[in-house]
Amino acid sequence: MPDARLEALRRFTLAVVEHRGAVPDADFDAFLVAGWQPRHALDVVLGVGTYTIPTFADRLTAAPIDAPLAAYAWEPAACL
């Protein structure tokens, strides 16, 4: 991303997901050096959890997509 602070946020968020919350010190330090605070790291974890829990529940129960949102449904890429 062109904005270094937002790039640090993006990278930190990916690290949270990739390491399942056990973010390496170097990644956490880079996040802080970019101007974020430790409380912002908790915001990232909250955001990941807020997405993950309902997504897992929807997949587990095969919940139908609401009609107004059907046009935005994700479909896996076709395998070649």
PDB file of N, CA and C in Angstrom:
ATOM      1  N   MET A   1       0.838  -1.170   0.000  1.00  0.00           N
ATOM      2  CA  MET A   1       0.000   0.000   0.000  1.00  0.00           C
ATOM      3  C   MET A   1       0.890   1.242   0.000  1.00  0.00           C
ATOM      4  N   PRO A   2       0.432   2.288  -0.628  1.00  0.00           N
ATOM      5  CA  PRO A   2       1.259   3.489  -0.681  1.00  0.00           C
ATOM      6  C   PRO A   2       1.454   4.167   0.681  1.00  0.00           C
ATOM      7  N   ASP A   3       0.504   4.018   1.598  1.00  0.00           N
ATOM      8  CA  ASP A   3       0.619   4.605   2.930  1.00  0.00           C
ATOM      9  C   ASP A   3       1.314   3.588   3.841  1.00  0.00           C
ATOM     10  N   ALA A   4       2.494   3.950   4.344  1.00  0.00           N
ATOM     11  CA  ALA A   4       3.310   3.019   5.135  1.00  0.00           C
ATOM     12  C   ALA A   4       2.588   2.551   6.395  1.00  0.00           C
ATOM     13  N   ARG A   5       1.841   3.428   7.022  1.00  0.00           N
ATOM     14  CA  ARG A   5       1.133   3.044   8.258  1.00  0.00           C
ATOM     15  C   ARG A   5       0.049   2.008   7.960  1.00  0.00           C
ATOM     16  N   LEU A   6      -0.695   2.222   6.864  1.00  0.00           N
ATOM     17  CA  LEU A   6      -1.723   1.247   6.498  1.00  0.00           C
ATOM     18  C   LEU A   6      -1.100  -0.063   6.025  1.00  0.00           C
ATOM     19  N   GLU A   7       0.049   0.010   5.392  1.00  0.00           N
ATOM     20  CA  GLU A   7       0.756  -1.214   4.990  1.00  0.00           C
ATOM     21  C   GLU A   7       1.169  -2.014   6.218  1.00  0.00           C
ATOM     22  N   ALA A   8       1.606  -1.319   7.261  1.00  0.00           N
ATOM     23  CA  ALA A   8       1.965  -2.010   8.506  1.00  0.00           C
ATOM     24  C   ALA A   8       0.737  -2.670   9.127  1.00  0.00           C
ATOM     25  N   LEU A   9      -0.389  -2.007   9.050  1.00  0.00           N
ATOM     26  CA  LEU A   9      -1.642  -2.593   9.552  1.00  0.00           C
ATOM     27  C   LEU A   9      -2.012  -3.831   8.744  1.00  0.00           C
ATOM     28  N   ARG A  10      -1.889  -3.743   7.429  1.00  0.00           N
ATOM     29  CA  ARG A  10      -2.199  -4.885   6.558  1.00  0.00           C
ATOM     30  C   ARG A  10      -1.295  -6.070   6.890  1.00  0.00           C
ATOM     31  N   ARG A  11      -0.005  -5.805   7.004  1.00  0.00           N
ATOM     32  CA  ARG A  11       0.939  -6.885   7.288  1.00  0.00           C
ATOM     33  C   ARG A  11       0.687  -7.509   8.669  1.00  0.00           C
ATOM     34  N   PHE A  12       0.388  -6.660   9.634  1.00  0.00           N
ATOM     35  CA  PHE A  12       0.111  -7.167  10.975  1.00  0.00           C
ATOM     36  C   PHE A  12      -1.143  -8.037  10.973  1.00  0.00           C
ATOM     37  N   THR A  13      -2.168  -7.595  10.274  1.00  0.00           N
ATOM     38  CA  THR A  13      -3.413  -8.374  10.189  1.00  0.00           C
ATOM     39  C   THR A  13      -3.144  -9.736   9.563  1.00  0.00           C
ATOM     40  N   LEU A  14      -2.365  -9.768   8.499  1.00  0.00           N
ATOM     41  CA  LEU A  14      -2.006 -11.049   7.883  1.00  0.00           C
ATOM     42  C   LEU A  14      -1.222 -11.927   8.852  1.00  0.00           C
ATOM     43  N   ALA A  15      -0.336 -11.319   9.638  1.00  0.00           N
ATOM     44  CA  ALA A  15       0.444 -12.083  10.623  1.00  0.00           C
ATOM     45  C   ALA A  15      -0.464 -12.668  11.698  1.00  0.00           C
ATOM     46  N   VAL A  16      -1.461 -11.896  12.134  1.00  0.00           N
ATOM     47  CA  VAL A  16      -2.410 -12.400  13.131  1.00  0.00           C
ATOM     48  C   VAL A  16      -3.110 -13.642  12.603  1.00  0.00           C
ATOM     49  N   VAL A  17      -3.563 -13.576  11.361  1.00  0.00           N
ATOM     50  CA  VAL A  17      -4.282 -14.712  10.763  1.00  0.00           C
ATOM     51  C   VAL A  17      -3.325 -15.885  10.535  1.00  0.00           C
ATOM     52  N   GLU A  18      -2.183 -15.606   9.924  1.00  0.00           N
ATOM     53  CA  GLU A  18      -1.230 -16.666   9.583  1.00  0.00           C
ATOM     54  C   GLU A  18      -0.711 -17.408  10.813  1.00  0.00           C
ATOM     55  N   HIS A  19      -0.472 -16.670  11.889  1.00  0.00           N
ATOM     56  CA  HIS A  19       0.107 -17.272  13.096  1.00  0.00           C
ATOM     57  C   HIS A  19      -0.938 -17.550  14.171  1.00  0.00           C
ATOM     58  N   ARG A  20      -2.211 -17.424  13.783  1.00  0.00           N
ATOM     59  CA  ARG A  20      -3.328 -17.699  14.692  1.00  0.00           C
ATOM     60  C   ARG A  20      -3.190 -16.944  16.012  1.00  0.00           C
ATOM     61  N   GLY A  21      -2.776 -15.686  15.907  1.00  0.00           N
ATOM     62  CA  GLY A  21      -2.674 -14.830  17.077  1.00  0.00           C
ATOM     63  C   GLY A  21      -1.302 -14.813  17.727  1.00  0.00           C
ATOM     64  N   ALA A  22      -0.486 -15.809  17.472  1.00  0.00           N
ATOM     65  CA  ALA A  22       0.857 -15.861  18.062  1.00  0.00           C
ATOM     66  C   ALA A  22       1.834 -15.104  17.160  1.00  0.00           C
ATOM     67  N   VAL A  23       1.606 -13.810  17.026  1.00  0.00           N
ATOM     68  CA  VAL A  23       2.381 -12.970  16.111  1.00  0.00           C
ATOM     69  C   VAL A  23       3.837 -12.895  16.580  1.00  0.00           C
ATOM     70  N   PRO A  24       4.780 -13.136  15.675  1.00  0.00           N
ATOM     71  CA  PRO A  24       6.194 -13.013  16.053  1.00  0.00           C
ATOM     72  C   PRO A  24       6.515 -11.593  16.536  1.00  0.00           C
ATOM     73  N   ASP A  25       7.460 -11.501  17.453  1.00  0.00           N
ATOM     74  CA  ASP A  25       7.837 -10.205  18.019  1.00  0.00           C
ATOM     75  C   ASP A  25       8.220  -9.196  16.948  1.00  0.00           C
ATOM     76  N   ALA A  26       8.936  -9.628  15.931  1.00  0.00           N
ATOM     77  CA  ALA A  26       9.375  -8.705  14.877  1.00  0.00           C
ATOM     78  C   ALA A  26       8.179  -8.084  14.160  1.00  0.00           C
ATOM     79  N   ASP A  27       7.136  -8.866  13.920  1.00  0.00           N
ATOM     80  CA  ASP A  27       5.937  -8.342  13.252  1.00  0.00           C
ATOM     81  C   ASP A  27       5.199  -7.362  14.161  1.00  0.00           C
ATOM     82  N   PHE A  28       5.118  -7.700  15.443  1.00  0.00           N
ATOM     83  CA  PHE A  28       4.447  -6.810  16.396  1.00  0.00           C
ATOM     84  C   PHE A  28       5.235  -5.508  16.544  1.00  0.00           C
ATOM     85  N   ASP A  29       6.560  -5.618  16.614  1.00  0.00           N
ATOM     86  CA  ASP A  29       7.404  -4.429  16.738  1.00  0.00           C
ATOM     87  C   ASP A  29       7.263  -3.523  15.517  1.00  0.00           C
ATOM     88  N   ALA A  30       7.216  -4.104  14.327  1.00  0.00           N
ATOM     89  CA  ALA A  30       7.049  -3.313  13.103  1.00  0.00           C
ATOM     90  C   ALA A  30       5.715  -2.583  13.112  1.00  0.00           C
ATOM     91  N   PHE A  31       4.694  -3.220  13.639  1.00  0.00           N
ATOM     92  CA  PHE A  31       3.372  -2.615  13.771  1.00  0.00           C
ATOM     93  C   PHE A  31       3.446  -1.391  14.684  1.00  0.00           C
ATOM     94  N   LEU A  32       4.129  -1.532  15.808  1.00  0.00           N
ATOM     95  CA  LEU A  32       4.251  -0.433  16.761  1.00  0.00           C
ATOM     96  C   LEU A  32       5.119   0.702  16.217  1.00  0.00           C
ATOM     97  N   VAL A  33       6.205   0.351  15.537  1.00  0.00           N
ATOM     98  CA  VAL A  33       7.103   1.359  14.960  1.00  0.00           C
ATOM     99  C   VAL A  33       6.363   2.206  13.929  1.00  0.00           C
ATOM    100  N   ALA A  34       5.379   1.622  13.260  1.00  0.00           N
ATOM    101  CA  ALA A  34       4.605   2.343  12.246  1.00  0.00           C
ATOM    102  C   ALA A  34       3.623   3.336  12.871  1.00  0.00           C
ATOM    103  N   GLY A  35       3.550   3.374  14.197  1.00  0.00           N
ATOM    104  CA  GLY A  35       2.701   4.353  14.859  1.00  0.00           C
ATOM    105  C   GLY A  35       1.441   3.805  15.493  1.00  0.00           C
ATOM    106  N   TRP A  36       1.260   2.495  15.429  1.00  0.00           N
ATOM    107  CA  TRP A  36       0.092   1.881  16.067  1.00  0.00           C
ATOM    108  C   TRP A  36       0.394   1.615  17.524  1.00  0.00           C
ATOM    109  N   GLN A  37      -0.630   1.482  18.318  1.00  0.00           N
ATOM    110  CA  GLN A  37      -0.514   1.210  19.745  1.00  0.00           C
ATOM    111  C   GLN A  37      -0.909  -0.254  20.016  1.00  0.00           C
ATOM    112  N   PRO A  38      -0.485  -0.812  21.157  1.00  0.00           N
ATOM    113  CA  PRO A  38      -0.886  -2.185  21.481  1.00  0.00           C
ATOM    114  C   PRO A  38      -2.403  -2.378  21.470  1.00  0.00           C
ATOM    115  N   ARG A  39      -3.159  -1.367  21.858  1.00  0.00           N
ATOM    116  CA  ARG A  39      -4.623  -1.492  21.838  1.00  0.00           C
ATOM    117  C   ARG A  39      -5.146  -1.678  20.416  1.00  0.00           C
ATOM    118  N   HIS A  40      -4.427  -1.146  19.432  1.00  0.00           N
ATOM    119  CA  HIS A  40      -4.842  -1.340  18.048  1.00  0.00           C
ATOM    120  C   HIS A  40      -4.650  -2.802  17.618  1.00  0.00           C
ATOM    121  N   ALA A  41      -3.654  -3.455  18.199  1.00  0.00           N
ATOM    122  CA  ALA A  41      -3.447  -4.876  17.908  1.00  0.00           C
ATOM    123  C   ALA A  41      -4.657  -5.674  18.384  1.00  0.00           C
ATOM    124  N   LEU A  42      -5.198  -5.294  19.526  1.00  0.00           N
ATOM    125  CA  LEU A  42      -6.398  -5.974  20.022  1.00  0.00           C
ATOM    126  C   LEU A  42      -7.597  -5.688  19.114  1.00  0.00           C
ATOM    127  N   ASP A  43      -7.648  -4.489  18.543  1.00  0.00           N
ATOM    128  CA  ASP A  43      -8.708  -4.182  17.575  1.00  0.00           C
ATOM    129  C   ASP A  43      -8.622  -5.098  16.359  1.00  0.00           C
ATOM    130  N   VAL A  44      -7.397  -5.365  15.918  1.00  0.00           N
ATOM    131  CA  VAL A  44      -7.212  -6.275  14.778  1.00  0.00           C
ATOM    132  C   VAL A  44      -7.722  -7.664  15.145  1.00  0.00           C
ATOM    133  N   VAL A  45      -7.353  -8.150  16.311  1.00  0.00           N
ATOM    134  CA  VAL A  45      -7.809  -9.473  16.759  1.00  0.00           C
ATOM    135  C   VAL A  45      -9.336  -9.505  16.847  1.00  0.00           C
ATOM    136  N   LEU A  46      -9.926  -8.452  17.358  1.00  0.00           N
ATOM    137  CA  LEU A  46     -11.383  -8.369  17.434  1.00  0.00           C
ATOM    138  C   LEU A  46     -11.997  -8.426  16.038  1.00  0.00           C
ATOM    139  N   GLY A  47     -11.402  -7.708  15.099  1.00  0.00           N
ATOM    140  CA  GLY A  47     -11.913  -7.721  13.731  1.00  0.00           C
ATOM    141  C   GLY A  47     -11.823  -9.091  13.085  1.00  0.00           C
ATOM    142  N   VAL A  48     -10.698  -9.765  13.297  1.00  0.00           N
ATOM    143  CA  VAL A  48     -10.537 -11.118  12.743  1.00  0.00           C
ATOM    144  C   VAL A  48     -11.563 -12.056  13.360  1.00  0.00           C
ATOM    145  N   GLY A  49     -11.752 -11.958  14.671  1.00  0.00           N
ATOM    146  CA  GLY A  49     -12.730 -12.810  15.353  1.00  0.00           C
ATOM    147  C   GLY A  49     -14.152 -12.515  14.915  1.00  0.00           C
ATOM    148  N   THR A  50     -14.452 -11.235  14.730  1.00  0.00           N
ATOM    149  CA  THR A  50     -15.796 -10.836  14.312  1.00  0.00           C
ATOM    150  C   THR A  50     -16.130 -11.405  12.939  1.00  0.00           C
ATOM    151  N   TYR A  51     -15.137 -11.521  12.094  1.00  0.00           N
ATOM    152  CA  TYR A  51     -15.348 -12.133  10.776  1.00  0.00           C
ATOM    153  C   TYR A  51     -15.385 -13.661  10.884  1.00  0.00           C
ATOM    154  N   THR A  52     -14.464 -14.226  11.643  1.00  0.00           N
ATOM    155  CA  THR A  52     -14.270 -15.673  11.666  1.00  0.00           C
ATOM    156  C   THR A  52     -15.434 -16.441  12.274  1.00  0.00           C
ATOM    157  N   ILE A  53     -15.924 -16.020  13.421  1.00  0.00           N
ATOM    158  CA  ILE A  53     -16.968 -16.773  14.106  1.00  0.00           C
ATOM    159  C   ILE A  53     -18.225 -16.925  13.251  1.00  0.00           C
ATOM    160  N   PRO A  54     -18.801 -15.847  12.726  1.00  0.00           N
ATOM    161  CA  PRO A  54     -20.007 -16.048  11.915  1.00  0.00           C
ATOM    162  C   PRO A  54     -19.731 -16.777  10.600  1.00  0.00           C
ATOM    163  N   THR A  55     -18.541 -16.596  10.043  1.00  0.00           N
ATOM    164  CA  THR A  55     -18.209 -17.305   8.812  1.00  0.00           C
ATOM    165  C   THR A  55     -18.169 -18.808   9.057  1.00  0.00           C
ATOM    166  N   PHE A  56     -17.507 -19.227  10.121  1.00  0.00           N
ATOM    167  CA  PHE A  56     -17.456 -20.651  10.459  1.00  0.00           C
ATOM    168  C   PHE A  56     -18.856 -21.187  10.734  1.00  0.00           C
ATOM    169  N   ALA A  57     -19.647 -20.434  11.483  1.00  0.00           N
ATOM    170  CA  ALA A  57     -21.007 -20.880  11.802  1.00  0.00           C
ATOM    171  C   ALA A  57     -21.855 -21.002  10.539  1.00  0.00           C
ATOM    172  N   ASP A  58     -21.733 -20.040   9.637  1.00  0.00           N
ATOM    173  CA  ASP A  58     -22.495 -20.094   8.381  1.00  0.00           C
ATOM    174  C   ASP A  58     -22.095 -21.306   7.549  1.00  0.00           C
ATOM    175  N   ARG A  59     -20.807 -21.576   7.498  1.00  0.00           N
ATOM    176  CA  ARG A  59     -20.328 -22.725   6.712  1.00  0.00           C
ATOM    177  C   ARG A  59     -20.760 -24.046   7.345  1.00  0.00           C
ATOM    178  N   LEU A  60     -20.713 -24.107   8.666  1.00  0.00           N
ATOM    179  CA  LEU A  60     -21.090 -25.320   9.373  1.00  0.00           C
ATOM    180  C   LEU A  60     -22.562 -25.651   9.171  1.00  0.00           C
ATOM    181  N   THR A  61     -23.392 -24.629   9.199  1.00  0.00           N
ATOM    182  CA  THR A  61     -24.841 -24.844   9.097  1.00  0.00           C
ATOM    183  C   THR A  61     -25.367 -24.701   7.678  1.00  0.00           C
ATOM    184  N   ALA A  62     -24.488 -24.378   6.735  1.00  0.00           N
ATOM    185  CA  ALA A  62     -24.882 -24.141   5.342  1.00  0.00           C
ATOM    186  C   ALA A  62     -26.004 -23.101   5.274  1.00  0.00           C
ATOM    187  N   ALA A  63     -25.827 -22.029   6.051  1.00  0.00           N
ATOM    188  CA  ALA A  63     -26.835 -20.963   6.087  1.00  0.00           C
ATOM    189  C   ALA A  63     -27.001 -20.362   4.695  1.00  0.00           C
ATOM    190  N   PRO A  64     -28.249 -20.143   4.289  1.00  0.00           N
ATOM    191  CA  PRO A  64     -28.467 -19.552   2.963  1.00  0.00           C
ATOM    192  C   PRO A  64     -28.054 -18.078   2.957  1.00  0.00           C
ATOM    193  N   ILE A  65     -27.668 -17.617   1.793  1.00  0.00           N
ATOM    194  CA  ILE A  65     -27.303 -16.206   1.632  1.00  0.00           C
ATOM    195  C   ILE A  65     -28.579 -15.403   1.454  1.00  0.00           C
ATOM    196  N   ASP A  66     -28.672 -14.280   2.140  1.00  0.00           N
ATOM    197  CA  ASP A  66     -29.831 -13.409   1.980  1.00  0.00           C
ATOM    198  C   ASP A  66     -29.919 -12.956   0.524  1.00  0.00           C
ATOM    199  N   ALA A  67     -31.121 -12.952  -0.022  1.00  0.00           N
ATOM    200  CA  ALA A  67     -31.337 -12.622  -1.432  1.00  0.00           C
ATOM    201  C   ALA A  67     -30.672 -11.313  -1.860  1.00  0.00           C
ATOM    202  N   PRO A  68     -30.783 -10.217  -1.082  1.00  0.00           N
ATOM    203  CA  PRO A  68     -30.150  -8.968  -1.534  1.00  0.00           C
ATOM    204  C   PRO A  68     -28.624  -9.050  -1.644  1.00  0.00           C
ATOM    205  N   LEU A  69     -28.023 -10.023  -0.972  1.00  0.00           N
ATOM    206  CA  LEU A  69     -26.565 -10.145  -0.998  1.00  0.00           C
ATOM    207  C   LEU A  69     -26.067 -11.247  -1.925  1.00  0.00           C
ATOM    208  N   ALA A  70     -26.957 -11.987  -2.531  1.00  0.00           N
ATOM    209  CA  ALA A  70     -26.578 -13.132  -3.362  1.00  0.00           C
ATOM    210  C   ALA A  70     -25.639 -12.754  -4.502  1.00  0.00           C
ATOM    211  N   ALA A  71     -25.796 -11.578  -5.044  1.00  0.00           N
ATOM    212  CA  ALA A  71     -24.935 -11.150  -6.151  1.00  0.00           C
ATOM    213  C   ALA A  71     -23.482 -10.994  -5.717  1.00  0.00           C
ATOM    214  N   TYR A  72     -23.225 -10.884  -4.408  1.00  0.00           N
ATOM    215  CA  TYR A  72     -21.878 -10.678  -3.888  1.00  0.00           C
ATOM    216  C   TYR A  72     -21.278 -11.948  -3.296  1.00  0.00           C
ATOM    217  N   ALA A  73     -21.942 -13.058  -3.456  1.00  0.00           N
ATOM    218  CA  ALA A  73     -21.480 -14.320  -2.874  1.00  0.00           C
ATOM    219  C   ALA A  73     -20.139 -14.723  -3.465  1.00  0.00           C
ATOM    220  N   TRP A  74     -19.263 -15.226  -2.599  1.00  0.00           N
ATOM    221  CA  TRP A  74     -17.957 -15.699  -3.034  1.00  0.00           C
ATOM    222  C   TRP A  74     -18.101 -17.091  -3.623  1.00  0.00           C
ATOM    223  N   GLU A  75     -17.442 -17.321  -4.708  1.00  0.00           N
ATOM    224  CA  GLU A  75     -17.386 -18.638  -5.333  1.00  0.00           C
ATOM    225  C   GLU A  75     -15.924 -19.020  -5.486  1.00  0.00           C
ATOM    226  N   PRO A  76     -15.558 -20.249  -5.153  1.00  0.00           N
ATOM    227  CA  PRO A  76     -14.151 -20.653  -5.320  1.00  0.00           C
ATOM    228  C   PRO A  76     -13.783 -20.662  -6.796  1.00  0.00           C
ATOM    229  N   ALA A  77     -12.510 -20.410  -7.047  1.00  0.00           N
ATOM    230  CA  ALA A  77     -12.006 -20.422  -8.429  1.00  0.00           C
ATOM    231  C   ALA A  77     -12.092 -21.841  -8.981  1.00  0.00           C
ATOM    232  N   ALA A  78     -12.360 -21.937 -10.238  1.00  0.00           N
ATOM    233  CA  ALA A  78     -12.415 -23.245 -10.900  1.00  0.00           C
ATOM    234  C   ALA A  78     -11.011 -23.809 -10.993  1.00  0.00           C
ATOM    235  N   CYS A  79     -10.865 -25.080 -10.681  1.00  0.00           N
ATOM    236  CA  CYS A  79      -9.568 -25.756 -10.789  1.00  0.00           C
ATOM    237  C   CYS A  79      -9.346 -26.194 -12.225  1.00  0.00           C
ATOM    238  N   LEU A  80      -8.148 -25.979 -12.696  1.00  0.00           N
ATOM    239  CA  LEU A  80      -7.814 -26.380 -14.072  1.00  0.00           C
ATOM    240  C   LEU A  80      -7.168 -27.723 -14.105  1.00  0.00           C
TER     241      LEU A  80
END
